[in-house]
Amino acid sequence: MSGRRSRSRQSSSSRMTDDQITDLVSKLQALLPEAPTRSTDRESATKVLQDTWNYIRSLHQEVDDLSERLAELLATTDITGDQAAIIRSLLM
């Protein structure tokens, strides 16, 4: 029985409070571009998470597009193996 109590105490102490969640959602919202200020109820917290997901997805797409453009540029540029190695090391 004491094992159950200690696990219960441990899990409840590791849970986040509503204030902590509200604070983290506000911080996340501040990182988004052009994020209007909203109240931090459950509905707007969900919206902030959706906006964050969409923003991260768009950043991934931008990285993919830029990587493709860079690969095309490198393919059309006359560079030596040493120069290509330097460019690759700078990009990593």
N, C-alpha and C. Protein backbone atom coordinates (compact mmCIF):
# COMPACT_ATOMS: atom_id res chain seq x y z
N MET A 1 0.82 -1.20 0.00
CA MET A 1 0.00 0.00 0.00
C MET A 1 0.86 1.25 0.00
N SER A 2 2.01 1.20 0.73
CA SER A 2 2.86 2.38 0.75
C SER A 2 3.47 2.65 -0.62
N GLY A 3 3.70 1.59 -1.42
CA GLY A 3 4.21 1.77 -2.77
C GLY A 3 3.23 2.53 -3.63
N ARG A 4 1.94 2.23 -3.46
CA ARG A 4 0.91 2.92 -4.22
C ARG A 4 0.85 4.39 -3.82
N ARG A 5 0.98 4.67 -2.54
CA ARG A 5 0.96 6.06 -2.07
C ARG A 5 2.14 6.85 -2.62
N SER A 6 3.33 6.26 -2.59
CA SER A 6 4.51 7.00 -3.07
C SER A 6 4.41 7.25 -4.56
N ARG A 7 3.88 6.28 -5.32
CA ARG A 7 3.70 6.50 -6.76
C ARG A 7 2.67 7.59 -6.99
N SER A 8 1.61 7.60 -6.19
CA SER A 8 0.58 8.62 -6.33
C SER A 8 1.15 10.00 -6.05
N ARG A 9 1.94 10.12 -4.99
CA ARG A 9 2.57 11.40 -4.66
C ARG A 9 3.53 11.82 -5.75
N GLN A 10 4.30 10.86 -6.25
CA GLN A 10 5.30 11.17 -7.27
C GLN A 10 4.63 11.64 -8.56
N SER A 11 3.58 10.95 -9.00
CA SER A 11 2.93 11.33 -10.24
C SER A 11 2.22 12.68 -10.10
N SER A 12 1.63 12.94 -8.94
CA SER A 12 0.95 14.22 -8.77
C SER A 12 1.96 15.36 -8.66
N SER A 13 3.13 15.11 -8.14
CA SER A 13 4.13 16.18 -8.03
C SER A 13 4.78 16.46 -9.38
N SER A 14 4.76 15.49 -10.31
CA SER A 14 5.35 15.72 -11.61
C SER A 14 4.34 16.28 -12.61
N ARG A 15 3.09 16.36 -12.23
CA ARG A 15 2.06 16.93 -13.11
C ARG A 15 2.21 18.44 -13.15
N MET A 16 1.87 19.00 -14.31
CA MET A 16 1.93 20.45 -14.45
C MET A 16 0.63 21.07 -13.95
N THR A 17 0.76 22.24 -13.40
CA THR A 17 -0.44 22.97 -12.97
C THR A 17 -1.03 23.71 -14.17
N ASP A 18 -2.26 24.13 -14.02
CA ASP A 18 -2.91 24.91 -15.08
C ASP A 18 -2.14 26.20 -15.35
N ASP A 19 -1.62 26.81 -14.30
CA ASP A 19 -0.84 28.05 -14.47
C ASP A 19 0.44 27.79 -15.25
N GLN A 20 1.10 26.66 -15.01
CA GLN A 20 2.31 26.33 -15.75
C GLN A 20 2.00 26.09 -17.23
N ILE A 21 0.90 25.40 -17.48
CA ILE A 21 0.49 25.15 -18.87
C ILE A 21 0.15 26.46 -19.56
N THR A 22 -0.58 27.32 -18.88
CA THR A 22 -0.94 28.62 -19.43
C THR A 22 0.31 29.43 -19.75
N ASP A 23 1.28 29.40 -18.85
CA ASP A 23 2.54 30.11 -19.07
C ASP A 23 3.28 29.57 -20.29
N LEU A 24 3.36 28.25 -20.41
CA LEU A 24 4.05 27.63 -21.55
C LEU A 24 3.34 27.92 -22.87
N VAL A 25 2.02 27.91 -22.87
CA VAL A 25 1.26 28.24 -24.07
C VAL A 25 1.51 29.69 -24.46
N SER A 26 1.56 30.58 -23.49
CA SER A 26 1.85 31.99 -23.78
C SER A 26 3.24 32.16 -24.38
N LYS A 27 4.21 31.45 -23.82
CA LYS A 27 5.57 31.52 -24.35
C LYS A 27 5.65 30.96 -25.76
N LEU A 28 4.95 29.86 -26.00
CA LEU A 28 4.92 29.26 -27.33
C LEU A 28 4.26 30.20 -28.32
N GLN A 29 3.19 30.81 -27.91
CA GLN A 29 2.47 31.76 -28.77
C GLN A 29 3.36 32.94 -29.14
N ALA A 30 4.19 33.39 -28.20
CA ALA A 30 5.08 34.52 -28.46
C ALA A 30 6.15 34.18 -29.49
N LEU A 31 6.46 32.90 -29.65
CA LEU A 31 7.45 32.49 -30.63
C LEU A 31 6.90 32.41 -32.05
N LEU A 32 5.59 32.37 -32.18
CA LEU A 32 4.98 32.28 -33.50
C LEU A 32 4.97 33.65 -34.17
N PRO A 33 5.25 33.66 -35.48
CA PRO A 33 5.21 34.96 -36.18
C PRO A 33 3.77 35.47 -36.29
N GLU A 34 3.61 36.75 -36.09
CA GLU A 34 2.32 37.41 -36.24
C GLU A 34 1.21 36.75 -35.43
N ALA A 35 1.55 36.31 -34.24
CA ALA A 35 0.55 35.68 -33.38
C ALA A 35 -0.21 36.76 -32.61
N PRO A 36 -1.50 36.86 -32.87
CA PRO A 36 -2.29 37.83 -32.10
C PRO A 36 -2.41 37.37 -30.66
N THR A 37 -2.53 38.30 -29.75
CA THR A 37 -2.68 37.91 -28.35
C THR A 37 -4.09 37.39 -28.14
N ARG A 38 -4.15 36.29 -27.46
CA ARG A 38 -5.44 35.65 -27.18
C ARG A 38 -5.52 35.33 -25.70
N SER A 39 -6.72 35.01 -25.26
CA SER A 39 -6.82 34.48 -23.91
C SER A 39 -6.26 33.07 -23.95
N THR A 40 -5.92 32.54 -22.80
CA THR A 40 -5.27 31.23 -22.78
C THR A 40 -6.19 30.15 -22.21
N ASP A 41 -7.43 30.14 -22.66
CA ASP A 41 -8.32 29.06 -22.26
C ASP A 41 -8.01 27.83 -23.12
N ARG A 42 -8.69 26.74 -22.87
CA ARG A 42 -8.41 25.48 -23.59
C ARG A 42 -8.54 25.64 -25.10
N GLU A 43 -9.54 26.33 -25.55
CA GLU A 43 -9.76 26.47 -26.99
C GLU A 43 -8.61 27.23 -27.64
N SER A 44 -8.16 28.32 -27.02
CA SER A 44 -7.07 29.06 -27.62
C SER A 44 -5.74 28.33 -27.47
N ALA A 45 -5.59 27.54 -26.41
CA ALA A 45 -4.38 26.73 -26.26
C ALA A 45 -4.32 25.71 -27.40
N THR A 46 -5.45 25.13 -27.74
CA THR A 46 -5.51 24.21 -28.87
C THR A 46 -5.15 24.93 -30.16
N LYS A 47 -5.65 26.13 -30.32
CA LYS A 47 -5.34 26.93 -31.52
C LYS A 47 -3.86 27.25 -31.60
N VAL A 48 -3.26 27.58 -30.47
CA VAL A 48 -1.82 27.87 -30.44
C VAL A 48 -1.03 26.63 -30.84
N LEU A 49 -1.44 25.47 -30.35
CA LEU A 49 -0.76 24.23 -30.72
C LEU A 49 -0.93 23.92 -32.20
N GLN A 50 -2.12 24.15 -32.73
CA GLN A 50 -2.35 23.94 -34.17
C GLN A 50 -1.51 24.91 -35.00
N ASP A 51 -1.48 26.17 -34.59
CA ASP A 51 -0.67 27.17 -35.30
C ASP A 51 0.81 26.81 -35.25
N THR A 52 1.25 26.32 -34.10
CA THR A 52 2.65 25.91 -33.94
C THR A 52 2.97 24.76 -34.87
N TRP A 53 2.10 23.76 -34.90
CA TRP A 53 2.29 22.61 -35.78
C TRP A 53 2.37 23.06 -37.24
N ASN A 54 1.46 23.92 -37.66
CA ASN A 54 1.46 24.41 -39.03
C ASN A 54 2.74 25.20 -39.34
N TYR A 55 3.17 26.00 -38.39
CA TYR A 55 4.39 26.80 -38.59
C TYR A 55 5.61 25.89 -38.72
N ILE A 56 5.73 24.90 -37.86
CA ILE A 56 6.85 23.96 -37.93
C ILE A 56 6.83 23.21 -39.25
N ARG A 57 5.66 22.79 -39.67
CA ARG A 57 5.53 22.09 -40.95
C ARG A 57 5.95 23.00 -42.11
N SER A 58 5.58 24.27 -42.07
CA SER A 58 5.99 25.19 -43.14
C SER A 58 7.50 25.42 -43.11
N LEU A 59 8.09 25.46 -41.91
CA LEU A 59 9.55 25.60 -41.82
C LEU A 59 10.25 24.38 -42.41
N HIS A 60 9.73 23.20 -42.15
CA HIS A 60 10.30 21.98 -42.74
C HIS A 60 10.22 22.04 -44.26
N GLN A 61 9.10 22.49 -44.78
CA GLN A 61 8.94 22.59 -46.23
C GLN A 61 9.93 23.61 -46.81
N GLU A 62 10.12 24.71 -46.11
CA GLU A 62 11.07 25.73 -46.56
C GLU A 62 12.50 25.18 -46.57
N VAL A 63 12.85 24.41 -45.54
CA VAL A 63 14.18 23.79 -45.50
C VAL A 63 14.35 22.83 -46.68
N ASP A 64 13.32 22.02 -46.94
CA ASP A 64 13.39 21.09 -48.06
C ASP A 64 13.55 21.83 -49.39
N ASP A 65 12.78 22.91 -49.59
CA ASP A 65 12.88 23.69 -50.82
C ASP A 65 14.26 24.32 -50.98
N LEU A 66 14.78 24.88 -49.90
CA LEU A 66 16.10 25.51 -49.96
C LEU A 66 17.20 24.47 -50.19
N SER A 67 17.05 23.31 -49.59
CA SER A 67 18.02 22.23 -49.81
C SER A 67 18.03 21.80 -51.27
N GLU A 68 16.85 21.71 -51.84
CA GLU A 68 16.75 21.34 -53.25
C GLU A 68 17.38 22.40 -54.14
N ARG A 69 17.09 23.66 -53.86
CA ARG A 69 17.69 24.75 -54.65
C ARG A 69 19.20 24.75 -54.52
N LEU A 70 19.71 24.52 -53.33
CA LEU A 70 21.14 24.49 -53.11
C LEU A 70 21.78 23.34 -53.88
N ALA A 71 21.14 22.18 -53.86
CA ALA A 71 21.65 21.03 -54.59
C ALA A 71 21.71 21.33 -56.09
N GLU A 72 20.68 22.01 -56.60
CA GLU A 72 20.67 22.39 -58.02
C GLU A 72 21.80 23.37 -58.33
N LEU A 73 21.99 24.33 -57.45
CA LEU A 73 23.06 25.32 -57.66
C LEU A 73 24.43 24.65 -57.63
N LEU A 74 24.62 23.76 -56.68
CA LEU A 74 25.91 23.08 -56.58
C LEU A 74 26.15 22.19 -57.80
N ALA A 75 25.09 21.61 -58.35
CA ALA A 75 25.23 20.75 -59.52
C ALA A 75 25.62 21.54 -60.76
N THR A 76 25.20 22.80 -60.83
CA THR A 76 25.49 23.62 -62.01
C THR A 76 26.74 24.46 -61.84
N THR A 77 27.32 24.46 -60.66
CA THR A 77 28.50 25.27 -60.39
C THR A 77 29.75 24.42 -60.59
N ASP A 78 30.75 25.04 -61.20
CA ASP A 78 32.01 24.34 -61.43
C ASP A 78 32.89 24.50 -60.19
N ILE A 79 32.83 23.49 -59.33
CA ILE A 79 33.65 23.53 -58.12
C ILE A 79 34.43 22.23 -58.03
N THR A 80 35.57 22.33 -57.37
CA THR A 80 36.40 21.15 -57.20
C THR A 80 35.88 20.30 -56.05
N GLY A 81 36.37 19.10 -55.93
CA GLY A 81 35.99 18.21 -54.83
C GLY A 81 36.29 18.81 -53.48
N ASP A 82 37.42 19.52 -53.37
CA ASP A 82 37.78 20.16 -52.10
C ASP A 82 36.80 21.27 -51.75
N GLN A 83 36.42 22.06 -52.75
CA GLN A 83 35.47 23.14 -52.51
C GLN A 83 34.10 22.59 -52.11
N ALA A 84 33.70 21.52 -52.77
CA ALA A 84 32.42 20.91 -52.42
C ALA A 84 32.44 20.37 -51.00
N ALA A 85 33.57 19.79 -50.60
CA ALA A 85 33.70 19.28 -49.24
C ALA A 85 33.61 20.41 -48.22
N ILE A 86 34.20 21.54 -48.53
CA ILE A 86 34.14 22.70 -47.63
C ILE A 86 32.69 23.18 -47.51
N ILE A 87 32.01 23.28 -48.64
CA ILE A 87 30.62 23.74 -48.63
C ILE A 87 29.75 22.76 -47.82
N ARG A 88 29.94 21.47 -48.04
CA ARG A 88 29.16 20.48 -47.29
C ARG A 88 29.42 20.57 -45.79
N SER A 89 30.69 20.79 -45.42
CA SER A 89 31.01 20.88 -43.98
C SER A 89 30.40 22.12 -43.35
N LEU A 90 30.29 23.21 -44.13
CA LEU A 90 29.66 24.43 -43.62
C LEU A 90 28.15 24.25 -43.43
N LEU A 91 27.56 23.40 -44.26
CA LEU A 91 26.12 23.19 -44.18
C LEU A 91 25.71 22.20 -43.12
N MET A 92 26.62 21.41 -42.64
CA MET A 92 26.29 20.39 -41.65
C MET A 92 26.33 20.95 -40.26
